[in-house]
Protein backbone atom coordinates (compact mmCIF):
# COMPACT_ATOMS: atom_id res chain seq x y z
CA ALA A 1 0.00 0.00 0.00
CA PRO A 2 1.27 3.53 -0.71
CA LEU A 3 2.79 5.55 2.13
CA ALA A 4 4.28 8.62 0.49
CA ALA A 5 5.25 10.17 -2.83
CA LEU A 6 8.02 12.73 -3.19
CA HIS A 7 8.82 14.92 -6.18
CA GLN A 8 11.93 16.99 -6.76
CA LYS A 9 11.18 19.80 -9.20
CA ARG A 10 13.07 22.56 -10.93
CA ASN A 11 10.74 25.23 -12.25
CA LEU A 12 7.87 23.23 -13.80
CA LEU A 13 9.84 20.07 -14.58
CA THR A 14 10.08 17.02 -12.31
CA ARG A 15 13.70 15.96 -11.87
CA GLN A 16 13.18 12.99 -9.56
CA SER A 17 10.27 11.01 -8.11
CA ILE A 18 10.26 8.69 -5.10
CA TYR A 19 7.33 6.38 -4.36
CA ILE A 20 7.26 4.66 -0.95
CA THR A 21 4.97 1.69 -0.38
CA GLU A 22 4.20 -0.77 2.41
CA TYR A 23 4.32 -4.52 1.84
CA PHE A 24 1.31 -6.54 3.02
CA GLU A 25 2.01 -10.22 3.49
CA ASN A 26 -0.60 -12.72 2.23
CA SER A 27 -2.40 -10.04 0.24
CA SER A 28 -3.75 -10.41 -3.30
CA GLU A 29 -5.26 -8.31 -6.04
CA LEU A 30 -9.01 -7.82 -5.84
CA TYR A 31 -9.51 -9.54 -9.21
CA THR A 32 -7.47 -12.58 -8.15
CA PHE A 33 -9.21 -12.77 -4.79
CA SER A 34 -12.70 -12.49 -6.36
CA SER A 35 -12.06 -15.07 -9.07
CA GLN A 36 -10.03 -17.63 -7.10
CA GLN A 37 -10.51 -17.27 -3.34
CA LEU A 38 -14.02 -15.85 -2.99
CA PRO A 39 -15.78 -18.88 -4.59
CA LYS A 40 -14.09 -21.14 -2.00
CA ILE A 41 -15.55 -19.20 0.93
CA GLN A 42 -18.78 -20.88 2.01
CA ALA A 43 -19.72 -19.38 5.39
CA GLY A 44 -20.15 -15.61 5.35
CA ARG A 45 -19.61 -15.06 1.62
CA PHE A 46 -22.63 -12.78 1.27
CA ALA A 47 -21.57 -10.66 4.27
CA LEU A 48 -18.04 -10.42 2.87
CA LYS A 49 -19.25 -9.28 -0.56
CA LYS A 50 -21.49 -6.72 1.13
CA GLU A 51 -18.53 -5.42 3.12
CA PHE A 52 -16.38 -5.25 -0.03
CA SER A 53 -19.09 -3.22 -1.77
CA HIS A 54 -19.14 -0.65 1.01
CA GLN A 55 -15.35 -0.45 1.20
CA LEU A 56 -14.98 0.09 -2.56
CA ALA A 57 -17.73 2.69 -2.54
CA ALA A 58 -16.07 4.48 0.39
CA ILE A 59 -12.68 4.59 -1.39
CA LEU A 60 -14.08 6.08 -4.60
CA ALA A 61 -16.45 8.45 -2.79
CA SER A 62 -13.59 9.73 -0.62
CA LEU A 63 -11.56 10.51 -3.75
CA HIS A 64 -14.43 12.28 -5.47
CA LYS A 65 -15.34 14.35 -2.42
CA ASN A 66 -11.78 15.68 -2.42
CA GLY A 67 -11.89 16.62 -6.10
CA LEU A 68 -9.95 13.54 -7.25
CA TRP A 69 -10.68 10.62 -9.56
CA HIS A 70 -8.84 7.48 -10.64
CA ARG A 71 -8.25 7.06 -14.36
CA ASP A 72 -7.67 3.27 -14.16
CA SER A 73 -9.77 1.94 -11.30
CA LYS A 74 -9.75 -1.70 -12.40
CA ALA A 75 -9.91 -4.53 -9.89
CA SER A 76 -6.22 -5.38 -10.25
CA ASN A 77 -5.35 -1.93 -8.84
CA PHE A 78 -6.98 -2.79 -5.51
CA ILE A 79 -5.54 -5.29 -3.03
CA VAL A 80 -7.28 -7.43 -0.41
CA THR A 81 -5.52 -7.95 2.90
CA LYS A 82 -6.36 -8.69 6.55
CA ASP A 83 -5.97 -6.27 9.43
CA THR A 84 -4.86 -7.00 13.00
CA GLU A 85 -8.38 -8.24 13.84
CA ASN A 86 -8.23 -10.76 10.97
CA LYS A 87 -10.84 -8.83 8.99
CA TYR A 88 -10.59 -8.31 5.25
CA ARG A 89 -9.68 -4.85 4.05
CA ILE A 90 -9.55 -3.40 0.52
CA LEU A 91 -6.85 -0.87 -0.28
CA LEU A 92 -6.18 1.18 -3.39
CA ALA A 93 -2.69 0.20 -4.53
CA ASP A 94 -2.19 2.26 -7.68
CA MET A 95 -1.90 5.87 -6.60
CA ASP A 96 -0.30 7.00 -9.85
CA GLY A 97 -3.71 6.90 -11.56
CA ILE A 98 -5.24 9.50 -9.23
CA LYS A 99 -5.89 12.82 -10.97
CA ARG A 100 -7.59 16.10 -10.10
CA TYR A 101 -10.83 17.17 -11.71
CA PHE A 102 -10.67 19.94 -14.25
CA LEU A 103 -13.48 19.84 -16.79
CA ARG A 104 -16.31 17.32 -17.25
CA ARG A 105 -16.32 16.45 -13.56
CA ARG A 106 -19.39 14.20 -13.67
CA SER A 107 -18.16 12.00 -16.53
CA ARG A 108 -14.76 11.57 -14.91
CA GLN A 109 -16.38 10.87 -11.56
CA PHE A 110 -18.50 7.97 -12.77
CA ARG A 111 -15.77 6.62 -15.05
CA SER A 112 -14.12 5.10 -11.97
CA LEU A 113 -17.29 3.13 -11.26
CA TRP A 114 -17.86 1.62 -14.68
CA GLN A 115 -14.17 0.81 -15.13
CA LEU A 116 -14.22 -1.14 -11.87
CA ALA A 117 -17.41 -2.93 -12.92
CA ALA A 118 -16.01 -3.77 -16.38
CA SER A 119 -12.90 -5.34 -14.86
CA THR A 120 -14.98 -7.72 -12.70
CA LEU A 121 -17.60 -8.76 -15.28
CA PRO A 122 -15.67 -11.96 -16.15
CA VAL A 123 -15.74 -13.00 -12.47
CA SER A 124 -18.65 -15.41 -11.90
CA ALA A 125 -18.63 -14.85 -8.12
CA VAL A 126 -19.58 -11.19 -8.64
CA ASN A 127 -23.18 -10.65 -9.77
CA ARG A 128 -25.53 -7.82 -10.64
CA THR A 129 -26.64 -7.43 -7.02
CA ASP A 130 -23.04 -6.71 -6.01
CA TYR A 131 -22.73 -3.99 -8.65
CA LEU A 132 -26.02 -2.39 -7.61
CA ARG A 133 -25.08 -2.54 -3.93
CA THR A 134 -21.75 -0.82 -4.58
CA PHE A 135 -23.41 1.85 -6.70
CA THR A 136 -26.10 2.47 -4.06
CA ALA A 137 -23.53 2.76 -1.27
CA TYR A 138 -21.51 5.18 -3.38
CA CYS A 139 -24.56 7.33 -4.14
CA ASN A 140 -25.46 7.44 -0.46
CA LEU A 141 -21.96 8.61 0.43
CA ILE A 142 -21.85 11.43 -2.14
CA GLY A 143 -25.50 12.41 -1.58
CA LEU A 144 -26.78 11.73 -5.10
CA GLU A 145 -30.54 12.24 -5.40
CA LEU A 146 -32.72 9.18 -5.87
CA SER A 147 -34.26 10.52 -9.07
CA GLN A 148 -30.84 10.65 -10.75
CA ARG A 149 -29.62 7.20 -9.80
CA ARG A 150 -31.50 4.90 -12.17
CA PRO A 151 -30.49 6.60 -15.47
CA ILE A 152 -26.89 6.93 -14.28
CA TYR A 153 -26.77 3.26 -13.23
CA ARG A 154 -28.08 2.19 -16.65
CA GLU A 155 -25.49 4.31 -18.41
CA LEU A 156 -22.69 2.91 -16.25
CA ALA A 157 -23.89 -0.67 -16.86
CA ASN A 158 -23.91 -0.12 -20.64
CA ARG A 159 -20.44 1.40 -20.58
CA ALA A 160 -19.08 -1.46 -18.46
CA LYS A 161 -20.55 -4.06 -20.85
CA LYS A 162 -19.16 -2.21 -23.87
CA LYS A 163 -15.73 -1.98 -22.23
CA ASN A 164 -15.78 -5.70 -21.47
CA GLU A 165 -16.85 -6.56 -25.02
CA ASN A 166 -14.05 -4.39 -26.43
CA GLN A 167 -11.54 -6.16 -24.20
CA LYS A 168 -12.78 -9.56 -25.40
CA SER A 169 -12.57 -8.37 -29.01
CA ASN A 170 -9.02 -7.09 -28.47
CA VAL A 171 -7.96 -10.38 -26.90
CA LYS A 172 -9.49 -12.32 -29.79
CA MET A 173 -7.79 -10.06 -32.32
CA THR A 174 -4.45 -10.41 -30.51
CA ASN A 175 -4.78 -14.21 -30.53
CA GLN A 176 -5.55 -14.15 -34.25
CA LYS A 177 -2.49 -11.97 -34.90
CA LEU A 178 -0.35 -14.36 -32.85
CA LYS A 179 -1.62 -17.32 -34.89
CA ILE A 180 -0.90 -15.47 -38.15
CA SER A 181 2.56 -14.49 -36.89
CA LYS A 182 3.25 -18.09 -35.87
CA LYS A 183 2.22 -19.40 -39.29
CA PHE A 184 4.31 -16.73 -40.99
CA CYS A 185 7.36 -17.65 -38.88
CA ILE A 186 6.91 -21.32 -39.75
CA LEU A 187 6.64 -20.41 -43.43
CA ILE A 188 9.83 -18.30 -43.26
CA CYS A 189 11.69 -21.09 -41.46
CA ASN A 190 10.58 -23.64 -44.05
CA PHE A 191 11.56 -21.29 -46.85
CA ALA A 192 15.00 -20.75 -45.32
CA PHE A 193 15.42 -24.51 -44.88
CA TYR A 194 14.61 -25.22 -48.52
CA ILE A 195 16.90 -22.41 -49.68
CA ARG A 196 19.78 -23.92 -47.74
CA LEU A 197 18.90 -27.37 -49.05
CA LEU A 198 18.90 -26.02 -52.60
CA GLU A 199 22.25 -24.33 -52.03
CA ALA A 200 23.71 -27.58 -50.76
CA ASN A 201 22.36 -29.51 -53.74
CA LEU A 202 23.76 -26.90 -56.14
CA THR A 203 27.14 -27.11 -54.45
CA ILE A 204 27.17 -30.91 -54.82
CA LEU A 205 26.07 -30.62 -58.46
CA ILE A 206 28.80 -28.09 -59.29
CA PHE A 207 31.41 -30.25 -57.58
CA ALA A 208 30.24 -33.33 -59.50
CA LEU A 209 30.37 -31.48 -62.81
CA PHE A 210 33.87 -30.30 -61.98
CA LEU A 211 34.98 -33.88 -61.43
CA LEU A 212 33.33 -35.15 -64.61
CA CYS A 213 34.64 -32.44 -66.89
CA PRO A 214 37.75 -33.55 -68.85
CA LYS A 215 40.92 -31.84 -67.86
CA VAL A 216 42.56 -29.72 -70.55
C-alpha cells in the first residue's frame, strides 16, 4: 500500500520522483481474490461481498469528495488484505492513476465506477446485485438524489458491458495476430530450410560437374 510520494522539481519540470509503499504479506489483487478465493468461501460469503461493496464505494467516494478521480480503477489496482483483527480490508494500490478534476467532472467521476465494474464482469462470483449494492452505497456517500440514480446506473452498466466486449474483441484479435505471426514464422523457417537445401544440392552438383569435366 502507498505511504508517500516525493517529487523533486526545478521550475515546472520534475527531476526525480520517489514512491514509498508498504508490503502486506498474504495479500492479493481484488480480481485474483474475487475469481479464485471468494468462490471457495462458504460461510459468510454474502456478508463479505457486502462489506467489499461498502469499502470500494467508500474509497471512490472519498476521492471524489476531495476533487480527485482514478483514471484506471480496475480490480487489479486494488488489493485485499487482513488487518490485525483478521478482517478483510480493501486498499487502493495504484496511486499514480489519481488525478484532479478539471473539466467534465461528472463524466470523470462515474468513469471510476464503470471501469471497476467492467474489470470484474468476467468473475462469476460477482453478480448484478453486487454492482447495484456498490453503486447504491456510493450514491449514499456522495449524496446523489434518488431521481438521478436509475439513469446513471443504466449508463454505467452499458459502458461497463461495452468496455468488457471491447476487451474480449481485443484479446481475440491479438490471438488471431499471434496465430498469423506463428504461421508466418513457420513459413519463413521452411523457406529458409529449402533455400539452404537447394544451395547444398547446387554445391554438390557443381562439384560433380567439376569432377566429370575432362581436364585440358
